[in-house]
C-alpha atoms as a PDB file:
ATOM      1  CA  MET A   1     -37.060 -50.667   1.781  1.00  0.00           C
ATOM      2  CA  ARG A   2     -38.319 -48.206  -1.171  1.00  0.00           C
ATOM      3  CA  ILE A   3     -38.671 -45.378   1.471  1.00  0.00           C
ATOM      4  CA  LEU A   4     -35.032 -46.065   2.509  1.00  0.00           C
ATOM      5  CA  ALA A   5     -34.003 -46.212  -1.370  1.00  0.00           C
ATOM      6  CA  LEU A   6     -35.459 -42.773  -1.562  1.00  0.00           C
ATOM      7  CA  LEU A   7     -33.783 -41.433   0.705  1.00  0.00           C
ATOM      8  CA  LEU A   8     -30.431 -42.515  -0.440  1.00  0.00           C
ATOM      9  CA  LEU A   9     -31.304 -40.825  -3.372  1.00  0.00           C
ATOM     10  CA  LEU A  10     -32.098 -37.451  -1.890  1.00  0.00           C
ATOM     11  CA  VAL A  11     -28.877 -37.417  -0.140  1.00  0.00           C
ATOM     12  CA  PRO A  12     -26.662 -36.118  -3.368  1.00  0.00           C
ATOM     13  CA  ALA A  13     -29.004 -33.471  -4.008  1.00  0.00           C
ATOM     14  CA  TRP A  14     -29.328 -32.086  -0.391  1.00  0.00           C
ATOM     15  CA  ALA A  15     -25.509 -32.033   0.023  1.00  0.00           C
ATOM     16  CA  GLN A  16     -25.251 -30.486  -2.979  1.00  0.00           C
ATOM     17  CA  ALA A  17     -27.588 -27.752  -2.083  1.00  0.00           C
ATOM     18  CA  ALA A  18     -25.844 -26.938   1.451  1.00  0.00           C
ATOM     19  CA  CYS A  19     -22.527 -25.838  -0.691  1.00  0.00           C
ATOM     20  CA  LEU A  20     -23.161 -22.402  -0.702  1.00  0.00           C
ATOM     21  CA  VAL A  21     -20.731 -19.878  -2.643  1.00  0.00           C
ATOM     22  CA  THR A  22     -21.481 -16.143  -2.447  1.00  0.00           C
ATOM     23  CA  PRO A  23     -19.548 -13.344  -3.881  1.00  0.00           C
ATOM     24  CA  ARG A  24     -19.145 -10.573  -1.751  1.00  0.00           C
ATOM     25  CA  ALA A  25     -17.084  -7.905  -3.806  1.00  0.00           C
ATOM     26  CA  THR A  26     -14.496  -7.813  -6.285  1.00  0.00           C
ATOM     27  CA  VAL A  27     -11.531  -5.126  -5.992  1.00  0.00           C
ATOM     28  CA  PRO A  28      -8.778  -4.320  -8.022  1.00  0.00           C
ATOM     29  CA  VAL A  29      -5.296  -5.105  -6.912  1.00  0.00           C
ATOM     30  CA  GLY A  30      -1.792  -3.560  -7.641  1.00  0.00           C
ATOM     31  CA  PHE A  31       1.199  -5.776  -7.993  1.00  0.00           C
ATOM     32  CA  VAL A  32       4.127  -3.165  -7.767  1.00  0.00           C
ATOM     33  CA  ASN A  33       7.733  -4.483  -6.912  1.00  0.00           C
ATOM     34  CA  GLY A  34       6.538  -7.699  -5.237  1.00  0.00           C
ATOM     35  CA  ALA A  35       3.728  -5.992  -3.049  1.00  0.00           C
ATOM     36  CA  ILE A  36       0.128  -7.228  -3.736  1.00  0.00           C
ATOM     37  CA  LEU A  37      -1.825  -3.561  -2.819  1.00  0.00           C
ATOM     38  CA  VAL A  38      -5.807  -3.499  -2.057  1.00  0.00           C
ATOM     39  CA  THR A  39      -7.344  -0.008  -1.207  1.00  0.00           C
ATOM     40  CA  VAL A  40      -9.125  -0.150   2.196  1.00  0.00           C
ATOM     41  CA  ALA A  41     -11.356   2.498   3.565  1.00  0.00           C
ATOM     42  CA  VAL A  42     -10.204   3.396   6.846  1.00  0.00           C
ATOM     43  CA  ASN A  43     -12.968   5.857   8.689  1.00  0.00           C
ATOM     44  CA  GLY A  44     -14.154   6.346   5.181  1.00  0.00           C
ATOM     45  CA  ALA A  45     -10.695   7.515   3.846  1.00  0.00           C
ATOM     46  CA  ASN A  46      -8.814   5.457   1.507  1.00  0.00           C
ATOM     47  CA  ALA A  47      -5.263   3.560   2.577  1.00  0.00           C
ATOM     48  CA  THR A  48      -3.106   1.476   0.733  1.00  0.00           C
ATOM     49  CA  PHE A  49      -2.534  -1.960   2.505  1.00  0.00           C
ATOM     50  CA  ILE A  50      -0.683  -4.996   1.416  1.00  0.00           C
ATOM     51  CA  LEU A  51      -2.402  -7.944   1.415  1.00  0.00           C
ATOM     52  CA  ASP A  52      -0.816 -10.418   3.917  1.00  0.00           C
ATOM     53  CA  THR A  53      -2.172 -13.942   4.381  1.00  0.00           C
ATOM     54  CA  GLY A  54       1.400 -14.322   6.188  1.00  0.00           C
ATOM     55  CA  ALA A  55       0.113 -11.809   9.151  1.00  0.00           C
ATOM     56  CA  ALA A  56      -2.161 -13.425  11.935  1.00  0.00           C
ATOM     57  CA  ARG A  57      -2.952  -9.523  12.846  1.00  0.00           C
ATOM     58  CA  SER A  58      -3.341  -6.758  10.491  1.00  0.00           C
ATOM     59  CA  MET A  59      -1.703  -3.622  10.902  1.00  0.00           C
ATOM     60  CA  VAL A  60      -1.128   0.065  10.103  1.00  0.00           C
ATOM     61  CA  THR A  61       1.755   2.528  10.539  1.00  0.00           C
ATOM     62  CA  ARG A  62       2.189   5.244  12.874  1.00  0.00           C
ATOM     63  CA  GLU A  63       2.136   7.869  10.139  1.00  0.00           C
ATOM     64  CA  ALA A  64      -1.007   6.248   8.740  1.00  0.00           C
ATOM     65  CA  THR A  65      -2.968   6.503  12.372  1.00  0.00           C
ATOM     66  CA  LYS A  66      -2.243  10.295  12.279  1.00  0.00           C
ATOM     67  CA  ARG A  67      -3.130  10.569   8.734  1.00  0.00           C
ATOM     68  CA  LEU A  68      -6.465   8.616   9.104  1.00  0.00           C
ATOM     69  CA  ALA A  69      -7.291  10.008  12.159  1.00  0.00           C
ATOM     70  CA  ILE A  70      -7.554   6.553  14.065  1.00  0.00           C
ATOM     71  CA  ALA A  71      -7.929   6.538  17.496  1.00  0.00           C
ATOM     72  CA  ARG A  72      -5.339   4.677  19.627  1.00  0.00           C
ATOM     73  CA  ASP A  73      -6.087   2.022  22.465  1.00  0.00           C
ATOM     74  CA  GLU A  74      -4.857   3.694  25.568  1.00  0.00           C
ATOM     75  CA  TRP A  75      -5.237   0.238  27.534  1.00  0.00           C
ATOM     76  CA  VAL A  76      -4.094  -2.619  25.056  1.00  0.00           C
ATOM     77  CA  GLY A  77      -1.217  -2.972  22.638  1.00  0.00           C
ATOM     78  CA  THR A  78       0.279  -5.867  20.501  1.00  0.00           C
ATOM     79  CA  ALA A  79       3.713  -7.207  20.150  1.00  0.00           C
ATOM     80  CA  MET A  80       4.559  -7.456  16.583  1.00  0.00           C
ATOM     81  CA  ARG A  81       7.029 -10.784  16.019  1.00  0.00           C
ATOM     82  CA  GLY A  82       8.277 -11.045  12.192  1.00  0.00           C
ATOM     83  CA  VAL A  83      11.839 -11.174  10.615  1.00  0.00           C
ATOM     84  CA  GLY A  84      13.127  -7.580  11.647  1.00  0.00           C
ATOM     85  CA  GLY A  85      12.176  -8.321  15.424  1.00  0.00           C
ATOM     86  CA  VAL A  86       9.539  -7.654  18.108  1.00  0.00           C
ATOM     87  CA  GLU A  87       7.856  -4.117  18.255  1.00  0.00           C
ATOM     88  CA  LYS A  88       5.022  -3.269  20.625  1.00  0.00           C
ATOM     89  CA  LEU A  89       2.911  -0.179  20.656  1.00  0.00           C
ATOM     90  CA  PRO A  90      -0.582   0.988  21.452  1.00  0.00           C
ATOM     91  CA  ASN A  91      -3.246  -0.714  19.552  1.00  0.00           C
ATOM     92  CA  ALA A  92      -5.498   1.336  16.784  1.00  0.00           C
ATOM     93  CA  ASN A  93      -9.293   1.244  16.795  1.00  0.00           C
ATOM     94  CA  PRO A  94     -10.505   2.482  13.571  1.00  0.00           C
ATOM     95  CA  ARG A  95     -14.564   3.270  13.457  1.00  0.00           C
ATOM     96  CA  THR A  96     -14.778   1.822  10.504  1.00  0.00           C
ATOM     97  CA  LEU A  97     -13.053  -0.679   7.930  1.00  0.00           C
ATOM     98  CA  THR A  98     -14.374  -1.446   4.405  1.00  0.00           C
ATOM     99  CA  LEU A  99     -13.002  -3.360   1.447  1.00  0.00           C
ATOM    100  CA  GLY A 100     -15.077  -2.752  -1.788  1.00  0.00           C
ATOM    101  CA  GLY A 101     -17.951  -1.698   0.370  1.00  0.00           C
ATOM    102  CA  VAL A 102     -18.005  -4.940   2.454  1.00  0.00           C
ATOM    103  CA  LYS A 103     -17.388  -4.442   6.433  1.00  0.00           C
ATOM    104  CA  LEU A 104     -14.325  -5.738   7.291  1.00  0.00           C
ATOM    105  CA  GLU A 105     -14.403  -7.251  11.268  1.00  0.00           C
ATOM    106  CA  ARG A 106     -11.834  -9.555  12.667  1.00  0.00           C
ATOM    107  CA  ARG A 107     -12.476 -13.154  13.370  1.00  0.00           C
ATOM    108  CA  THR A 108     -13.042 -12.744  17.101  1.00  0.00           C
ATOM    109  CA  LEU A 109     -15.954 -12.806  19.606  1.00  0.00           C
ATOM    110  CA  THR A 110     -16.269  -9.209  19.549  1.00  0.00           C
ATOM    111  CA  HIS A 111     -16.034  -8.822  15.377  1.00  0.00           C
ATOM    112  CA  ASP A 112     -14.106  -5.766  16.579  1.00  0.00           C
ATOM    113  CA  THR A 113     -11.716  -3.613  13.989  1.00  0.00           C
ATOM    114  CA  SER A 114      -8.435  -3.206  15.882  1.00  0.00           C
ATOM    115  CA  LEU A 115      -5.382  -2.750  14.323  1.00  0.00           C
ATOM    116  CA  THR A 116      -1.889  -3.616  15.690  1.00  0.00           C
ATOM    117  CA  VAL A 117       0.659  -0.746  14.839  1.00  0.00           C
ATOM    118  CA  GLY A 118       4.143  -0.934  13.536  1.00  0.00           C
ATOM    119  CA  THR A 119       6.965  -0.307  11.289  1.00  0.00           C
ATOM    120  CA  LEU A 120       6.554  -2.029   8.183  1.00  0.00           C
ATOM    121  CA  PRO A 121       9.686  -3.172   6.108  1.00  0.00           C
ATOM    122  CA  ARG A 122       8.899  -1.022   2.997  1.00  0.00           C
ATOM    123  CA  THR A 123       6.816   2.371   2.771  1.00  0.00           C
ATOM    124  CA  ARG A 124       6.089   3.020  -0.818  1.00  0.00           C
ATOM    125  CA  ALA A 125       5.367   0.915  -3.767  1.00  0.00           C
ATOM    126  CA  GLY A 126       6.022   2.929  -6.611  1.00  0.00           C
ATOM    127  CA  GLU A 127       4.040   6.047  -6.123  1.00  0.00           C
ATOM    128  CA  ARG A 128       1.714   4.701  -3.411  1.00  0.00           C
ATOM    129  CA  ILE A 129       2.428   5.168   0.127  1.00  0.00           C
ATOM    130  CA  ILE A 130       1.826   1.870   2.115  1.00  0.00           C
ATOM    131  CA  ASP A 131      -0.394   2.738   5.071  1.00  0.00           C
ATOM    132  CA  GLY A 132      -0.617  -1.052   6.632  1.00  0.00           C
ATOM    133  CA  LEU A 133      -0.913  -4.938   5.939  1.00  0.00           C
ATOM    134  CA  LEU A 134      -4.383  -6.609   5.967  1.00  0.00           C
ATOM    135  CA  GLY A 135      -3.914 -10.041   7.433  1.00  0.00           C
ATOM    136  CA  ARG A 136      -5.691 -12.955   8.483  1.00  0.00           C
ATOM    137  CA  ASP A 137      -7.824 -11.749  11.224  1.00  0.00           C
ATOM    138  CA  PHE A 138      -9.824  -9.866   8.575  1.00  0.00           C
ATOM    139  CA  LEU A 139      -8.726 -11.958   5.569  1.00  0.00           C
ATOM    140  CA  SER A 140     -10.040 -15.569   7.057  1.00  0.00           C
ATOM    141  CA  VAL A 141     -13.658 -14.804   7.385  1.00  0.00           C
ATOM    142  CA  PHE A 142     -13.688 -15.100   3.202  1.00  0.00           C
ATOM    143  CA  ASP A 143     -12.334 -16.896   0.740  1.00  0.00           C
ATOM    144  CA  LEU A 144     -10.030 -15.188  -1.603  1.00  0.00           C
ATOM    145  CA  ALA A 145      -9.893 -15.756  -5.307  1.00  0.00           C
ATOM    146  CA  LEU A 146      -6.698 -13.881  -6.403  1.00  0.00           C
ATOM    147  CA  ASP A 147      -6.044 -13.478  -9.705  1.00  0.00           C
ATOM    148  CA  LEU A 148      -2.958 -11.509 -10.252  1.00  0.00           C
ATOM    149  CA  PRO A 149      -2.713 -11.485 -14.186  1.00  0.00           C
ATOM    150  CA  ALA A 150      -5.871  -9.903 -14.230  1.00  0.00           C
ATOM    151  CA  ARG A 151      -4.958  -7.834 -10.929  1.00  0.00           C
ATOM    152  CA  SER A 152      -8.392  -8.567  -9.264  1.00  0.00           C
ATOM    153  CA  LEU A 153      -9.443 -10.066  -5.760  1.00  0.00           C
ATOM    154  CA  THR A 154     -12.742 -11.450  -5.086  1.00  0.00           C
ATOM    155  CA  LEU A 155     -14.077 -11.960  -1.274  1.00  0.00           C
ATOM    156  CA  PHE A 156     -16.779 -15.081  -1.319  1.00  0.00           C
ATOM    157  CA  ALA A 157     -18.563 -16.297   1.409  1.00  0.00           C
ATOM    158  CA  VAL A 158     -18.542 -19.925   1.566  1.00  0.00           C
ATOM    159  CA  THR A 159     -20.502 -22.381   3.808  1.00  0.00           C
ATOM    160  CA  GLY A 160     -20.979 -25.806   3.720  1.00  0.00           C
ATOM    161  CA  CYS A 161     -18.563 -26.809   0.998  1.00  0.00           C
ATOM    162  CA  ALA A 162     -16.174 -29.183   0.712  1.00  0.00           C
ATOM    163  CA  GLU A 163     -13.481 -30.881  -2.162  1.00  0.00           C
ATOM    164  CA  ARG A 164     -13.682 -29.454  -5.575  1.00  0.00           C
ATOM    165  CA  PHE A 165     -16.322 -26.692  -4.986  1.00  0.00           C
ATOM    166  CA  LEU A 166     -15.218 -23.705  -7.351  1.00  0.00           C
ATOM    167  CA  PRO A 167     -17.446 -21.940  -9.804  1.00  0.00           C
ATOM    168  CA  TRP A 168     -14.670 -21.793 -12.199  1.00  0.00           C
ATOM    169  CA  SER A 169     -15.258 -22.956 -15.765  1.00  0.00           C
ATOM    170  CA  GLU A 170     -11.226 -23.485 -16.386  1.00  0.00           C
ATOM    171  CA  PRO A 171      -9.465 -26.866 -15.169  1.00  0.00           C
ATOM    172  CA  TYR A 172      -7.921 -26.253 -11.443  1.00  0.00           C
ATOM    173  CA  SER A 173      -5.973 -28.325  -9.277  1.00  0.00           C
ATOM    174  CA  ALA A 174      -6.573 -28.675  -5.517  1.00  0.00           C
ATOM    175  CA  ILE A 175      -4.249 -28.452  -2.563  1.00  0.00           C
ATOM    176  CA  ALA A 176      -5.121 -29.584   0.976  1.00  0.00           C
ATOM    177  CA  VAL A 177      -3.609 -27.393   3.565  1.00  0.00           C
ATOM    178  CA  ASP A 178      -2.570 -27.636   7.216  1.00  0.00           C
ATOM    179  CA  ASN A 179      -4.103 -25.176   9.479  1.00  0.00           C
ATOM    180  CA  PRO A 180      -1.990 -24.992  12.432  1.00  0.00           C
ATOM    181  CA  MET A 181      -2.622 -21.615  14.123  1.00  0.00           C
ATOM    182  CA  GLU A 182      -4.600 -18.394  13.559  1.00  0.00           C
ATOM    183  CA  SER A 183      -5.766 -19.401  10.363  1.00  0.00           C
ATOM    184  CA  ALA A 184      -2.432 -19.811   8.632  1.00  0.00           C
ATOM    185  CA  LEU A 185      -2.184 -22.029   5.598  1.00  0.00           C
ATOM    186  CA  VAL A 186       0.599 -24.269   5.350  1.00  0.00           C
ATOM    187  CA  VAL A 187       0.972 -25.646   1.811  1.00  0.00           C
ATOM    188  CA  PRO A 188       2.964 -28.881   0.958  1.00  0.00           C
ATOM    189  CA  VAL A 189       5.764 -28.427  -1.617  1.00  0.00           C
ATOM    190  CA  THR A 190       8.808 -30.123  -3.008  1.00  0.00           C
ATOM    191  CA  LEU A 191      11.924 -28.225  -3.614  1.00  0.00           C
ATOM    192  CA  ASP A 192      14.864 -30.178  -4.837  1.00  0.00           C
ATOM    193  CA  GLY A 193      13.214 -33.733  -4.122  1.00  0.00           C
ATOM    194  CA  VAL A 194      12.657 -32.683  -0.248  1.00  0.00           C
ATOM    195  CA  ARG A 195       9.084 -32.204   1.226  1.00  0.00           C
ATOM    196  CA  LEU A 196       8.762 -28.988   2.978  1.00  0.00           C
ATOM    197  CA  ARG A 197       5.950 -27.106   4.681  1.00  0.00           C
ATOM    198  CA  ALA A 198       5.569 -23.647   3.301  1.00  0.00           C
ATOM    199  CA  LEU A 199       3.369 -20.367   4.805  1.00  0.00           C
ATOM    200  CA  LEU A 200       1.360 -19.153   1.819  1.00  0.00           C
ATOM    201  CA  ASP A 201       2.481 -15.598   2.225  1.00  0.00           C
ATOM    202  CA  THR A 202       1.235 -12.907  -0.062  1.00  0.00           C
ATOM    203  CA  GLY A 203       2.660  -9.936   1.716  1.00  0.00           C
ATOM    204  CA  ALA A 204       6.288 -11.563   1.032  1.00  0.00           C
ATOM    205  CA  GLY A 205       7.518 -10.144  -1.989  1.00  0.00           C
ATOM    206  CA  SER A 206       9.771 -13.306  -2.409  1.00  0.00           C
ATOM    207  CA  SER A 207       9.800 -16.746  -0.978  1.00  0.00           C
ATOM    208  CA  LEU A 208      12.050 -17.605   1.780  1.00  0.00           C
ATOM    209  CA  ILE A 209      13.961 -20.662   2.771  1.00  0.00           C
ATOM    210  CA  ALA A 210      14.283 -20.529   6.989  1.00  0.00           C
ATOM    211  CA  ALA A 211      16.347 -22.367   9.186  1.00  0.00           C
ATOM    212  CA  PRO A 212      13.676 -25.575   9.260  1.00  0.00           C
ATOM    213  CA  GLY A 213      14.067 -25.854   5.551  1.00  0.00           C
ATOM    214  CA  MET A 214      17.912 -25.488   5.543  1.00  0.00           C
ATOM    215  CA  ALA A 215      18.193 -28.195   7.802  1.00  0.00           C
ATOM    216  CA  ARG A 216      15.820 -30.359   5.645  1.00  0.00           C
ATOM    217  CA  LEU A 217      17.372 -29.592   2.171  1.00  0.00           C
ATOM    218  CA  GLY A 218      21.304 -29.934   4.114  1.00  0.00           C
ATOM    219  CA  LEU A 219      21.704 -26.195   2.867  1.00  0.00           C
ATOM    220  CA  THR A 220      24.587 -25.065   5.507  1.00  0.00           C
ATOM    221  CA  GLU A 221      25.463 -21.242   6.029  1.00  0.00           C
ATOM    222  CA  ALA A 222      28.936 -22.351   4.460  1.00  0.00           C
ATOM    223  CA  ALA A 223      27.045 -23.720   1.093  1.00  0.00           C
ATOM    224  CA  ILE A 224      25.384 -20.502   0.558  1.00  0.00           C
ATOM    225  CA  ALA A 225      28.328 -18.169   1.755  1.00  0.00           C
ATOM    226  CA  GLY A 226      29.316 -17.546  -2.071  1.00  0.00           C
ATOM    227  CA  ASP A 227      25.670 -16.577  -3.166  1.00  0.00           C
ATOM    228  CA  PRO A 228      24.674 -13.010  -3.692  1.00  0.00           C
ATOM    229  CA  TRP A 229      23.571 -11.293  -0.178  1.00  0.00           C
ATOM    230  CA  GLN A 230      22.088  -8.415   1.247  1.00  0.00           C
ATOM    231  CA  GLU A 231      20.330  -6.870   4.443  1.00  0.00           C
ATOM    232  CA  VAL A 232      16.376  -7.300   3.844  1.00  0.00           C
ATOM    233  CA  SER A 233      14.026  -5.549   6.043  1.00  0.00           C
ATOM    234  CA  GLY A 234      11.078  -7.763   7.731  1.00  0.00           C
ATOM    235  CA  LEU A 235       8.243  -6.632   9.770  1.00  0.00           C
ATOM    236  CA  GLY A 236      10.040  -5.264  12.569  1.00  0.00           C
ATOM    237  CA  PRO A 237      12.697  -2.873  13.426  1.00  0.00           C
ATOM    238  CA  ARG A 238      16.077  -4.748  12.331  1.00  0.00           C
ATOM    239  CA  THR A 239      17.322  -6.039   8.944  1.00  0.00           C
ATOM    240  CA  VAL A 240      18.691  -9.484   8.550  1.00  0.00           C
ATOM    241  CA  PRO A 241      21.669 -10.758   6.039  1.00  0.00           C
ATOM    242  CA  MET A 242      19.663 -13.139   3.321  1.00  0.00           C
ATOM    243  CA  HIS A 243      21.489 -15.097   0.493  1.00  0.00           C
ATOM    244  CA  ARG A 244      19.758 -15.375  -2.848  1.00  0.00           C
ATOM    245  CA  HIS A 245      20.048 -19.046  -3.735  1.00  0.00           C
ATOM    246  CA  ARG A 246      19.400 -20.865  -6.817  1.00  0.00           C
ATOM    247  CA  PHE A 247      17.585 -24.399  -6.506  1.00  0.00           C
ATOM    248  CA  ARG A 248      16.497 -26.878  -9.286  1.00  0.00           C
ATOM    249  CA  GLU A 249      12.982 -27.365  -9.172  1.00  0.00           C
ATOM    250  CA  LEU A 250      10.008 -26.292  -6.939  1.00  0.00           C
ATOM    251  CA  ARG A 251       6.753 -28.406  -6.965  1.00  0.00           C
ATOM    252  CA  VAL A 252       3.646 -27.062  -5.897  1.00  0.00           C
ATOM    253  CA  GLY A 253       0.333 -29.277  -6.531  1.00  0.00           C
ATOM    254  CA  ALA A 254       0.751 -30.085 -10.323  1.00  0.00           C
ATOM    255  CA  GLY A 255       2.737 -27.037 -11.470  1.00  0.00           C
ATOM    256  CA  THR A 256       6.597 -26.786 -11.022  1.00  0.00           C
ATOM    257  CA  LEU A 257       8.792 -23.895 -11.341  1.00  0.00           C
ATOM    258  CA  GLU A 258      12.448 -24.334 -12.651  1.00  0.00           C
ATOM    259  CA  PRO A 259      14.616 -22.654 -11.509  1.00  0.00           C
ATOM    260  CA  PRO A 260      13.709 -21.029  -8.699  1.00  0.00           C
ATOM    261  CA  ILE A 261      15.844 -18.312  -6.924  1.00  0.00           C
ATOM    262  CA  PHE A 262      14.574 -17.846  -3.646  1.00  0.00           C
ATOM    263  CA  TRP A 263      15.928 -15.903  -0.400  1.00  0.00           C
ATOM    264  CA  VAL A 264      17.691 -18.146   2.297  1.00  0.00           C
ATOM    265  CA  ALA A 265      18.268 -17.315   5.787  1.00  0.00           C
ATOM    266  CA  PRO A 266      18.618 -18.956   9.408  1.00  0.00           C
ATOM    267  CA  VAL A 267      15.804 -17.270  10.776  1.00  0.00           C
ATOM    268  CA  GLN A 268      12.534 -18.513  12.789  1.00  0.00           C
ATOM    269  CA  LEU A 269       9.161 -18.126  11.540  1.00  0.00           C
ATOM    270  CA  SER A 270       5.998 -18.424  13.392  1.00  0.00           C
ATOM    271  CA  PRO A 271       4.025 -20.749  12.899  1.00  0.00           C
ATOM    272  CA  ILE A 272       7.271 -23.235  12.378  1.00  0.00           C
ATOM    273  CA  VAL A 273       7.388 -23.872   9.160  1.00  0.00           C
ATOM    274  CA  ASP A 274      10.378 -24.255   6.194  1.00  0.00           C
ATOM    275  CA  MET A 275       9.320 -21.570   3.869  1.00  0.00           C
ATOM    276  CA  LEU A 276       7.485 -18.675   2.720  1.00  0.00           C
ATOM    277  CA  LEU A 277       5.616 -19.251  -0.589  1.00  0.00           C
ATOM    278  CA  GLY A 278       5.499 -15.561  -1.474  1.00  0.00           C
ATOM    279  CA  ALA A 279       4.061 -13.442  -4.285  1.00  0.00           C
ATOM    280  CA  ASP A 280       6.923 -14.181  -6.619  1.00  0.00           C
ATOM    281  CA  TRP A 281       5.521 -17.844  -6.872  1.00  0.00           C
ATOM    282  CA  LEU A 282       1.530 -16.279  -7.232  1.00  0.00           C
ATOM    283  CA  ALA A 283       3.015 -13.691  -9.873  1.00  0.00           C
ATOM    284  CA  GLY A 284       1.117 -14.904 -13.254  1.00  0.00           C
ATOM    285  CA  ARG A 285      -1.230 -17.397 -11.274  1.00  0.00           C
ATOM    286  CA  LYS A 286      -5.091 -17.257 -10.669  1.00  0.00           C
ATOM    287  CA  VAL A 287      -5.646 -18.742  -7.262  1.00  0.00           C
ATOM    288  CA  TRP A 288      -8.216 -19.565  -4.628  1.00  0.00           C
ATOM    289  CA  ILE A 289      -7.145 -19.336  -0.919  1.00  0.00           C
ATOM    290  CA  SER A 290     -10.141 -21.429   1.096  1.00  0.00           C
ATOM    291  CA  PHE A 291      -9.977 -20.367   4.651  1.00  0.00           C
ATOM    292  CA  ALA A 292     -13.429 -22.171   4.661  1.00  0.00           C
ATOM    293  CA  THR A 293     -12.182 -25.598   3.377  1.00  0.00           C
ATOM    294  CA  LYS A 294      -8.592 -25.154   4.507  1.00  0.00           C
ATOM    295  CA  GLN A 295      -7.487 -25.980   0.714  1.00  0.00           C
ATOM    296  CA  MET A 296      -5.765 -23.926  -2.316  1.00  0.00           C
ATOM    297  CA  PHE A 297      -6.938 -24.008  -5.646  1.00  0.00           C
ATOM    298  CA  VAL A 298      -4.686 -23.166  -8.657  1.00  0.00           C
ATOM    299  CA  ALA A 299      -5.961 -22.581 -12.152  1.00  0.00           C
ATOM    300  CA  GLY A 300      -4.485 -24.337 -15.009  1.00  0.00           C
ATOM    301  CA  PRO A 301      -3.865 -27.905 -16.341  1.00  0.00           C
END
């Protein structure tokens, strides 16, 4: 009996020791007109990529493949599906890919560095030329501590952890997220009293209510017809007409945003979600995106 009691006392210490949180690199980020930018070394040359947790696959533009001397794959191409339609081009195979000195490899059996090639909705952010998107195929290997007020991103290797494990000294809230496909992080939110599923998309400059969310909110195309609108570019070759609609309140975890103004369009997203939670919500916030534990943590009371 005494031996059993001793073993029970040892379990919490062993469980705590099994949680390892190791910082791998801290890099500066730019935040220009809603675009969260990081510098990725491609074949030893610096390139500007949008940090994009909404993209299952990382991509590079055709212009960047030439400037960075990235070899094209003669056999394999990828169809990129986004708001702007579908585009399929041969992949690009860089020799090396690093972020903050950390070697980047896709979460695949081969740990390759393959990039899709496609058309970006925007080619510049301020004075910087945008060369590509850094998506979940590379990012989901790490946990991401994104501090937009401080303009910094830290990559962490996290193993054996659960619940509230962050090394932060300030208070923070924890939000469990769904992971329906390809490491997508789907956050439960409440918009005007209606519960929605939102894809956390650091690559979207503005949050977007899609067709399923419009249906849940009872928001018809006639109801948004009087809202300001414009043609908006998404990933892919086409533009889509979208309206800017004012809502009363968005609740994410313990935080409230009011009154939010989001894009609204009857489009379908992949995975199937009600909305995108974009960089407009992330602005001014310090968040920890935990691919390892399927959680999102938000600093603050």
